[in-house]
C-alpha atoms as a PDB file:
ATOM      1  CA  UNK A   1       0.021  -0.099   0.019  1.00  0.00           C
ATOM      2  CA  UNK A   2       2.877   2.282   0.828  1.00  0.00           C
ATOM      3  CA  UNK A   3       6.307   2.196  -0.630  1.00  0.00           C
ATOM      4  CA  UNK A   4       9.283   4.510   0.947  1.00  0.00           C
ATOM      5  CA  UNK A   5      12.793   4.133  -0.817  1.00  0.00           C
ATOM      6  CA  UNK A   6      15.688   5.834   0.142  1.00  0.00           C
ATOM      7  CA  UNK A   7      14.045   8.882   1.823  1.00  0.00           C
ATOM      8  CA  UNK A   8      16.200  11.664   3.139  1.00  0.00           C
ATOM      9  CA  UNK A   9      15.076  15.105   4.548  1.00  0.00           C
ATOM     10  CA  UNK A  10      17.677  17.964   5.284  1.00  0.00           C
ATOM     11  CA  UNK A  11      17.049  21.262   6.950  1.00  0.00           C
ATOM     12  CA  UNK A  12      19.382  24.585   6.700  1.00  0.00           C
ATOM     13  CA  UNK A  13      20.003  26.148  10.007  1.00  0.00           C
ATOM     14  CA  UNK A  14      22.516  29.005  10.721  1.00  0.00           C
ATOM     15  CA  UNK A  15      23.943  28.209   7.481  1.00  0.00           C
ATOM     16  CA  UNK A  16      24.633  24.498   8.188  1.00  0.00           C
ATOM     17  CA  UNK A  17      22.649  21.727   6.398  1.00  0.00           C
ATOM     18  CA  UNK A  18      21.036  19.199   9.256  1.00  0.00           C
ATOM     19  CA  UNK A  19      19.947  16.037   7.956  1.00  0.00           C
ATOM     20  CA  UNK A  20      16.755  14.976   9.807  1.00  0.00           C
ATOM     21  CA  UNK A  21      16.271  11.616   7.988  1.00  0.00           C
ATOM     22  CA  UNK A  22      18.594   9.302   6.087  1.00  0.00           C
ATOM     23  CA  UNK A  23      18.233   6.607   3.762  1.00  0.00           C
ATOM     24  CA  UNK A  24      14.600   5.142   5.121  1.00  0.00           C
ATOM     25  CA  UNK A  25      13.175   2.468   3.492  1.00  0.00           C
ATOM     26  CA  UNK A  26       9.763   0.865   4.384  1.00  0.00           C
ATOM     27  CA  UNK A  27       6.925  -1.064   2.992  1.00  0.00           C
ATOM     28  CA  UNK A  28       3.490  -0.811   4.584  1.00  0.00           C
ATOM     29  CA  UNK A  29       0.647  -3.434   3.744  1.00  0.00           C
ATOM     30  CA  UNK A  30      -3.041  -2.963   3.796  1.00  0.00           C
ATOM     31  CA  UNK A  31      -4.373  -3.185   7.450  1.00  0.00           C
ATOM     32  CA  UNK A  32      -1.031  -2.891   9.280  1.00  0.00           C
ATOM     33  CA  UNK A  33      -0.775  -0.745  12.203  1.00  0.00           C
ATOM     34  CA  UNK A  34       2.809   0.344  12.519  1.00  0.00           C
ATOM     35  CA  UNK A  35       4.119   2.418  15.797  1.00  0.00           C
ATOM     36  CA  UNK A  36       7.312   4.455  15.664  1.00  0.00           C
ATOM     37  CA  UNK A  37       9.536   4.963  18.367  1.00  0.00           C
ATOM     38  CA  UNK A  38      12.778   6.917  18.931  1.00  0.00           C
ATOM     39  CA  UNK A  39      14.609   9.521  20.790  1.00  0.00           C
ATOM     40  CA  UNK A  40      13.530  13.019  20.732  1.00  0.00           C
ATOM     41  CA  UNK A  41      14.511  14.908  17.581  1.00  0.00           C
ATOM     42  CA  UNK A  42      15.093  11.669  15.634  1.00  0.00           C
ATOM     43  CA  UNK A  43      12.922  12.519  12.740  1.00  0.00           C
ATOM     44  CA  UNK A  44       9.816  10.213  13.399  1.00  0.00           C
ATOM     45  CA  UNK A  45       7.356  13.093  13.290  1.00  0.00           C
ATOM     46  CA  UNK A  46       9.071  14.828  10.158  1.00  0.00           C
ATOM     47  CA  UNK A  47       8.539  11.233   8.485  1.00  0.00           C
ATOM     48  CA  UNK A  48       4.961  11.267   9.388  1.00  0.00           C
ATOM     49  CA  UNK A  49       4.595  14.607   7.837  1.00  0.00           C
ATOM     50  CA  UNK A  50       6.147  13.971   4.828  1.00  0.00           C
ATOM     51  CA  UNK A  51       3.992  10.626   4.315  1.00  0.00           C
ATOM     52  CA  UNK A  52       0.881  13.086   5.159  1.00  0.00           C
ATOM     53  CA  UNK A  53       1.991  15.388   2.488  1.00  0.00           C
ATOM     54  CA  UNK A  54       2.622  18.286   4.776  1.00  0.00           C
ATOM     55  CA  UNK A  55       6.340  18.301   4.493  1.00  0.00           C
ATOM     56  CA  UNK A  56       8.471  17.897   1.561  1.00  0.00           C
ATOM     57  CA  UNK A  57      11.682  15.320   1.187  1.00  0.00           C
ATOM     58  CA  UNK A  58      14.693  16.319  -0.057  1.00  0.00           C
ATOM     59  CA  UNK A  59      15.650  12.979  -1.694  1.00  0.00           C
ATOM     60  CA  UNK A  60      13.993   9.445  -2.403  1.00  0.00           C
ATOM     61  CA  UNK A  61      10.388   8.523  -3.070  1.00  0.00           C
ATOM     62  CA  UNK A  62       7.217   7.629  -1.381  1.00  0.00           C
ATOM     63  CA  UNK A  63       4.241   5.892  -3.506  1.00  0.00           C
ATOM     64  CA  UNK A  64       0.830   4.999  -2.265  1.00  0.00           C
ATOM     65  CA  UNK A  65      -0.932   2.384  -4.275  1.00  0.00           C
ATOM     66  CA  UNK A  66       1.719   2.991  -6.891  1.00  0.00           C
ATOM     67  CA  UNK A  67       1.325   6.685  -7.016  1.00  0.00           C
ATOM     68  CA  UNK A  68       3.833   9.311  -5.731  1.00  0.00           C
ATOM     69  CA  UNK A  69       2.939  11.623  -3.157  1.00  0.00           C
ATOM     70  CA  UNK A  70       3.353  15.063  -3.636  1.00  0.00           C
ATOM     71  CA  UNK A  71       1.146  16.829  -1.070  1.00  0.00           C
ATOM     72  CA  UNK A  72      -1.928  16.253   1.129  1.00  0.00           C
ATOM     73  CA  UNK A  73      -4.887  13.928   0.184  1.00  0.00           C
ATOM     74  CA  UNK A  74      -7.698  12.685   1.512  1.00  0.00           C
ATOM     75  CA  UNK A  75      -6.709   9.071   1.112  1.00  0.00           C
ATOM     76  CA  UNK A  76      -4.182  10.360   4.196  1.00  0.00           C
ATOM     77  CA  UNK A  77      -5.888  11.383   7.168  1.00  0.00           C
ATOM     78  CA  UNK A  78      -3.627  13.334   9.745  1.00  0.00           C
ATOM     79  CA  UNK A  79      -4.076  13.688  13.443  1.00  0.00           C
ATOM     80  CA  UNK A  80      -1.701  16.150  14.991  1.00  0.00           C
ATOM     81  CA  UNK A  81      -0.530  16.717  18.388  1.00  0.00           C
ATOM     82  CA  UNK A  82      -2.719  20.065  18.637  1.00  0.00           C
ATOM     83  CA  UNK A  83      -5.766  18.298  17.566  1.00  0.00           C
ATOM     84  CA  UNK A  84      -6.708  21.326  15.683  1.00  0.00           C
ATOM     85  CA  UNK A  85     -10.600  21.371  16.524  1.00  0.00           C
ATOM     86  CA  UNK A  86     -12.604  24.472  15.676  1.00  0.00           C
ATOM     87  CA  UNK A  87     -13.701  25.977  18.932  1.00  0.00           C
ATOM     88  CA  UNK A  88     -16.725  27.797  17.184  1.00  0.00           C
ATOM     89  CA  UNK A  89     -18.079  24.536  15.948  1.00  0.00           C
ATOM     90  CA  UNK A  90     -19.989  21.852  18.003  1.00  0.00           C
ATOM     91  CA  UNK A  91     -18.777  18.302  18.483  1.00  0.00           C
ATOM     92  CA  UNK A  92     -21.102  17.088  15.956  1.00  0.00           C
ATOM     93  CA  UNK A  93     -20.000  19.903  13.473  1.00  0.00           C
ATOM     94  CA  UNK A  94     -16.257  19.119  13.922  1.00  0.00           C
ATOM     95  CA  UNK A  95     -16.893  15.635  12.956  1.00  0.00           C
ATOM     96  CA  UNK A  96     -19.077  16.425   9.848  1.00  0.00           C
ATOM     97  CA  UNK A  97     -16.603  19.122   8.532  1.00  0.00           C
ATOM     98  CA  UNK A  98     -14.503  16.414   6.619  1.00  0.00           C
ATOM     99  CA  UNK A  99     -17.257  14.764   5.181  1.00  0.00           C
ATOM    100  CA  UNK A 100     -18.706  18.222   4.226  1.00  0.00           C
ATOM    101  CA  UNK A 101     -15.434  18.854   2.345  1.00  0.00           C
ATOM    102  CA  UNK A 102     -15.743  15.268   0.782  1.00  0.00           C
ATOM    103  CA  UNK A 103     -19.282  16.680  -0.524  1.00  0.00           C
ATOM    104  CA  UNK A 104     -21.638  14.316   1.190  1.00  0.00           C
ATOM    105  CA  UNK A 105     -25.252  15.626   2.015  1.00  0.00           C
ATOM    106  CA  UNK A 106     -26.174  17.163   5.031  1.00  0.00           C
ATOM    107  CA  UNK A 107     -28.253  14.107   6.091  1.00  0.00           C
ATOM    108  CA  UNK A 108     -25.589  11.249   5.251  1.00  0.00           C
ATOM    109  CA  UNK A 109     -22.807  13.356   7.135  1.00  0.00           C
ATOM    110  CA  UNK A 110     -24.869  14.225  10.292  1.00  0.00           C
ATOM    111  CA  UNK A 111     -25.994  10.396  10.218  1.00  0.00           C
ATOM    112  CA  UNK A 112     -22.624   9.334   9.924  1.00  0.00           C
ATOM    113  CA  UNK A 113     -21.240  11.670  12.304  1.00  0.00           C
ATOM    114  CA  UNK A 114     -23.505  10.483  15.114  1.00  0.00           C
ATOM    115  CA  UNK A 115     -22.658   6.831  14.203  1.00  0.00           C
ATOM    116  CA  UNK A 116     -19.062   7.561  14.638  1.00  0.00           C
ATOM    117  CA  UNK A 117     -19.210   9.772  18.018  1.00  0.00           C
ATOM    118  CA  UNK A 118     -21.259   6.916  19.581  1.00  0.00           C
ATOM    119  CA  UNK A 119     -18.485   4.307  18.401  1.00  0.00           C
ATOM    120  CA  UNK A 120     -15.940   6.764  20.386  1.00  0.00           C
ATOM    121  CA  UNK A 121     -18.261   6.877  23.484  1.00  0.00           C
ATOM    122  CA  UNK A 122     -19.537  10.868  22.857  1.00  0.00           C
ATOM    123  CA  UNK A 123     -22.915  10.278  21.340  1.00  0.00           C
ATOM    124  CA  UNK A 124     -24.392  12.198  24.380  1.00  0.00           C
ATOM    125  CA  UNK A 125     -22.158  15.266  23.671  1.00  0.00           C
ATOM    126  CA  UNK A 126     -22.743  15.910  20.122  1.00  0.00           C
ATOM    127  CA  UNK A 127     -24.006  19.531  20.852  1.00  0.00           C
ATOM    128  CA  UNK A 128     -20.968  20.518  23.204  1.00  0.00           C
ATOM    129  CA  UNK A 129     -18.128  22.863  22.288  1.00  0.00           C
ATOM    130  CA  UNK A 130     -14.466  21.856  22.294  1.00  0.00           C
ATOM    131  CA  UNK A 131     -14.158  24.359  25.160  1.00  0.00           C
ATOM    132  CA  UNK A 132     -16.641  22.362  27.264  1.00  0.00           C
ATOM    133  CA  UNK A 133     -14.875  19.058  27.081  1.00  0.00           C
ATOM    134  CA  UNK A 134     -11.952  17.453  29.092  1.00  0.00           C
ATOM    135  CA  UNK A 135      -8.694  16.620  27.307  1.00  0.00           C
ATOM    136  CA  UNK A 136      -9.559  13.028  26.713  1.00  0.00           C
ATOM    137  CA  UNK A 137     -12.969  13.876  25.494  1.00  0.00           C
ATOM    138  CA  UNK A 138     -10.979  16.495  22.740  1.00  0.00           C
ATOM    139  CA  UNK A 139      -8.857  13.454  21.864  1.00  0.00           C
ATOM    140  CA  UNK A 140     -12.033  11.186  21.081  1.00  0.00           C
ATOM    141  CA  UNK A 141     -13.385  14.073  18.950  1.00  0.00           C
ATOM    142  CA  UNK A 142     -10.182  14.370  17.126  1.00  0.00           C
ATOM    143  CA  UNK A 143     -10.126  10.590  16.414  1.00  0.00           C
ATOM    144  CA  UNK A 144     -13.930  10.795  15.490  1.00  0.00           C
ATOM    145  CA  UNK A 145     -12.930  13.237  12.780  1.00  0.00           C
ATOM    146  CA  UNK A 146     -10.131  11.329  11.448  1.00  0.00           C
ATOM    147  CA  UNK A 147     -12.473   8.413  10.906  1.00  0.00           C
ATOM    148  CA  UNK A 148     -15.150  10.613   9.463  1.00  0.00           C
ATOM    149  CA  UNK A 149     -12.541  11.540   6.666  1.00  0.00           C
ATOM    150  CA  UNK A 150     -12.591   7.803   6.084  1.00  0.00           C
ATOM    151  CA  UNK A 151      -8.739   7.779   4.631  1.00  0.00           C
ATOM    152  CA  UNK A 152      -7.226   4.755   3.485  1.00  0.00           C
ATOM    153  CA  UNK A 153      -4.336   5.281   5.879  1.00  0.00           C
ATOM    154  CA  UNK A 154      -4.508   7.234   9.345  1.00  0.00           C
ATOM    155  CA  UNK A 155      -1.415   9.152  10.386  1.00  0.00           C
ATOM    156  CA  UNK A 156      -1.413   9.930  14.103  1.00  0.00           C
ATOM    157  CA  UNK A 157       1.449  12.179  15.636  1.00  0.00           C
ATOM    158  CA  UNK A 158       1.321  11.463  19.451  1.00  0.00           C
ATOM    159  CA  UNK A 159      -2.041  11.465  19.832  1.00  0.00           C
ATOM    160  CA  UNK A 160      -2.119  11.010  23.545  1.00  0.00           C
ATOM    161  CA  UNK A 161       1.017  12.207  24.629  1.00  0.00           C
ATOM    162  CA  UNK A 162      -0.410  15.015  26.712  1.00  0.00           C
ATOM    163  CA  UNK A 163      -2.979  13.006  28.601  1.00  0.00           C
ATOM    164  CA  UNK A 164      -2.558  11.276  32.071  1.00  0.00           C
ATOM    165  CA  UNK A 165      -1.967   8.012  32.011  1.00  0.00           C
ATOM    166  CA  UNK A 166      -5.073   6.441  33.102  1.00  0.00           C
ATOM    167  CA  UNK A 167      -7.122   8.427  30.427  1.00  0.00           C
ATOM    168  CA  UNK A 168      -4.243   7.347  27.690  1.00  0.00           C
ATOM    169  CA  UNK A 169      -4.344   3.779  28.781  1.00  0.00           C
ATOM    170  CA  UNK A 170      -8.170   3.534  28.210  1.00  0.00           C
ATOM    171  CA  UNK A 171      -8.023   5.481  24.639  1.00  0.00           C
ATOM    172  CA  UNK A 172      -5.403   3.247  23.483  1.00  0.00           C
ATOM    173  CA  UNK A 173      -7.955   0.307  24.052  1.00  0.00           C
ATOM    174  CA  UNK A 174     -10.602   2.434  22.536  1.00  0.00           C
ATOM    175  CA  UNK A 175      -8.407   2.964  19.286  1.00  0.00           C
ATOM    176  CA  UNK A 176      -7.431  -0.503  19.386  1.00  0.00           C
ATOM    177  CA  UNK A 177     -10.942  -1.984  19.434  1.00  0.00           C
ATOM    178  CA  UNK A 178     -12.107   0.619  16.693  1.00  0.00           C
ATOM    179  CA  UNK A 179      -9.158  -0.180  14.646  1.00  0.00           C
ATOM    180  CA  UNK A 180      -9.965  -4.145  14.630  1.00  0.00           C
ATOM    181  CA  UNK A 181     -13.510  -3.338  13.586  1.00  0.00           C
ATOM    182  CA  UNK A 182     -12.290  -0.775  10.936  1.00  0.00           C
ATOM    183  CA  UNK A 183      -9.206  -2.683   9.899  1.00  0.00           C
ATOM    184  CA  UNK A 184      -7.828   0.705   8.510  1.00  0.00           C
ATOM    185  CA  UNK A 185      -4.074   0.902   7.710  1.00  0.00           C
ATOM    186  CA  UNK A 186      -2.563   3.251  10.785  1.00  0.00           C
ATOM    187  CA  UNK A 187       0.799   4.831  11.623  1.00  0.00           C
ATOM    188  CA  UNK A 188       1.358   6.220  14.933  1.00  0.00           C
ATOM    189  CA  UNK A 189       4.189   8.223  16.304  1.00  0.00           C
ATOM    190  CA  UNK A 190       4.952   7.691  20.049  1.00  0.00           C
ATOM    191  CA  UNK A 191       7.676   8.207  22.840  1.00  0.00           C
ATOM    192  CA  UNK A 192       5.681   5.434  25.022  1.00  0.00           C
ATOM    193  CA  UNK A 193       7.203   1.855  24.243  1.00  0.00           C
ATOM    194  CA  UNK A 194       3.836   0.364  25.881  1.00  0.00           C
ATOM    195  CA  UNK A 195       1.763   2.173  23.610  1.00  0.00           C
ATOM    196  CA  UNK A 196       3.785   1.271  20.833  1.00  0.00           C
ATOM    197  CA  UNK A 197       3.610  -2.477  21.747  1.00  0.00           C
ATOM    198  CA  UNK A 198      -0.350  -2.328  22.683  1.00  0.00           C
ATOM    199  CA  UNK A 199      -1.347  -0.753  19.556  1.00  0.00           C
ATOM    200  CA  UNK A 200       0.991  -1.739  16.676  1.00  0.00           C
ATOM    201  CA  UNK A 201       1.486  -4.983  14.692  1.00  0.00           C
ATOM    202  CA  UNK A 202       4.757  -3.706  14.016  1.00  0.00           C
ATOM    203  CA  UNK A 203       7.092  -1.427  15.739  1.00  0.00           C
ATOM    204  CA  UNK A 204       9.537   0.624  13.962  1.00  0.00           C
ATOM    205  CA  UNK A 205      12.539   2.246  15.836  1.00  0.00           C
ATOM    206  CA  UNK A 206      14.280   4.977  14.495  1.00  0.00           C
ATOM    207  CA  UNK A 207      17.935   6.024  15.288  1.00  0.00           C
ATOM    208  CA  UNK A 208      18.999   9.163  16.958  1.00  0.00           C
ATOM    209  CA  UNK A 209      19.354  11.874  14.095  1.00  0.00           C
ATOM    210  CA  UNK A 210      19.724  11.508  11.450  1.00  0.00           C
ATOM    211  CA  UNK A 211      16.754   9.167  11.509  1.00  0.00           C
ATOM    212  CA  UNK A 212      17.114   6.002  10.100  1.00  0.00           C
ATOM    213  CA  UNK A 213      15.495   2.573  10.585  1.00  0.00           C
ATOM    214  CA  UNK A 214      17.008   0.741  13.605  1.00  0.00           C
ATOM    215  CA  UNK A 215      14.859  -2.113  14.058  1.00  0.00           C
ATOM    216  CA  UNK A 216      11.234  -3.271  12.385  1.00  0.00           C
ATOM    217  CA  UNK A 217       9.569  -5.769  14.890  1.00  0.00           C
ATOM    218  CA  UNK A 218       6.509  -7.657  14.185  1.00  0.00           C
ATOM    219  CA  UNK A 219       4.363  -8.185  17.404  1.00  0.00           C
ATOM    220  CA  UNK A 220       3.422 -11.968  17.336  1.00  0.00           C
ATOM    221  CA  UNK A 221       0.163 -11.394  19.894  1.00  0.00           C
ATOM    222  CA  UNK A 222      -2.083 -10.874  16.648  1.00  0.00           C
ATOM    223  CA  UNK A 223      -4.587  -8.328  16.497  1.00  0.00           C
ATOM    224  CA  UNK A 224      -6.783  -9.186  19.594  1.00  0.00           C
ATOM    225  CA  UNK A 225      -5.767  -6.953  22.250  1.00  0.00           C
ATOM    226  CA  UNK A 226      -6.786  -6.294  26.117  1.00  0.00           C
ATOM    227  CA  UNK A 227      -5.498  -5.360  29.444  1.00  0.00           C
ATOM    228  CA  UNK A 228      -4.319  -9.170  29.886  1.00  0.00           C
ATOM    229  CA  UNK A 229      -1.842  -8.695  26.835  1.00  0.00           C
ATOM    230  CA  UNK A 230      -0.090  -6.025  28.974  1.00  0.00           C
ATOM    231  CA  UNK A 231       0.790  -8.554  31.668  1.00  0.00           C
ATOM    232  CA  UNK A 232       1.628 -11.376  29.252  1.00  0.00           C
ATOM    233  CA  UNK A 233       5.545 -12.981  29.085  1.00  0.00           C
ATOM    234  CA  UNK A 234       5.461 -12.011  25.363  1.00  0.00           C
ATOM    235  CA  UNK A 235       4.541  -8.331  26.168  1.00  0.00           C
ATOM    236  CA  UNK A 236       7.155  -7.948  28.836  1.00  0.00           C
ATOM    237  CA  UNK A 237       9.841  -9.757  26.592  1.00  0.00           C
ATOM    238  CA  UNK A 238       9.025  -7.426  23.618  1.00  0.00           C
ATOM    239  CA  UNK A 239       8.980  -4.137  26.122  1.00  0.00           C
ATOM    240  CA  UNK A 240      12.699  -5.367  27.360  1.00  0.00           C
ATOM    241  CA  UNK A 241      13.728  -5.645  23.833  1.00  0.00           C
ATOM    242  CA  UNK A 242      12.473  -2.204  22.528  1.00  0.00           C
ATOM    243  CA  UNK A 243      13.627  -0.231  25.715  1.00  0.00           C
ATOM    244  CA  UNK A 244      17.229  -1.654  24.997  1.00  0.00           C
ATOM    245  CA  UNK A 245      16.954  -0.549  21.480  1.00  0.00           C
ATOM    246  CA  UNK A 246      15.660   3.087  22.287  1.00  0.00           C
ATOM    247  CA  UNK A 247      17.877   3.539  25.316  1.00  0.00           C
ATOM    248  CA  UNK A 248      20.986   3.002  23.098  1.00  0.00           C
ATOM    249  CA  UNK A 249      19.595   5.613  20.385  1.00  0.00           C
ATOM    250  CA  UNK A 250      18.784   8.102  23.436  1.00  0.00           C
ATOM    251  CA  UNK A 251      22.321   7.784  24.716  1.00  0.00           C
ATOM    252  CA  UNK A 252      23.820   8.410  21.549  1.00  0.00           C
ATOM    253  CA  UNK A 253      21.875  11.516  21.158  1.00  0.00           C
ATOM    254  CA  UNK A 254      22.809  12.994  24.741  1.00  0.00           C
ATOM    255  CA  UNK A 255      26.547  12.247  23.930  1.00  0.00           C
ATOM    256  CA  UNK A 256      26.107  13.787  20.596  1.00  0.00           C
ATOM    257  CA  UNK A 257      24.153  17.101  22.320  1.00  0.00           C
ATOM    258  CA  UNK A 258      26.900  17.138  24.880  1.00  0.00           C
ATOM    259  CA  UNK A 259      29.634  17.300  22.073  1.00  0.00           C
ATOM    260  CA  UNK A 260      27.922  20.363  20.358  1.00  0.00           C
ATOM    261  CA  UNK A 261      27.989  22.249  23.708  1.00  0.00           C
END
């Protein structure tokens, strides 16, 4: 579904060329859920934004269903860290908005929006405004809006990073449950190893900058996930392996930063 070849991204800063991503090759199949881990500044969010078409690569290529990615498109839905909900629209109107852009009629989009809001547990809050919601509820609205877009691939940039641990875990379970039913292809960037294991069918580990793929691990537990999975021997073994991989890159990033001081 998605084919990435020799992807590179560089920036100019203070007269210097800084390489954020280098030689990234990746294939993503239909229905996979990729989670991407790595130290801060490793280029994982930049990579996701390039896949979404919101940033331009300086080298390499990205093909989706055989077509070059050259900018944003409705087949790639993006959920940003800041959520970007419209405060002047109700919950229902926020979820209707992407379907209005797609040209769906009012009755159809309202019916679909109510269905999706029920799916994420917000059916009773359709007429509230974002400012009247808790942080976890806002995240649910953003997820609902992403599903309303009905993209071929969902791209999520640390969607639960600002939430408390309990709310984050519950939303992870909610997203995993919805994903099992929808079978959407998904890519999610996170700093949280537990989140990466629980949600992903594959976990990609990026090296410290410039970002390259250090490891590509498949999660052997299949798609059925629940709270018991977090306590299983398989889960714990994966957590130890991933922590060792990430810790090595965090150490490298710290040493490099100290060399620059």
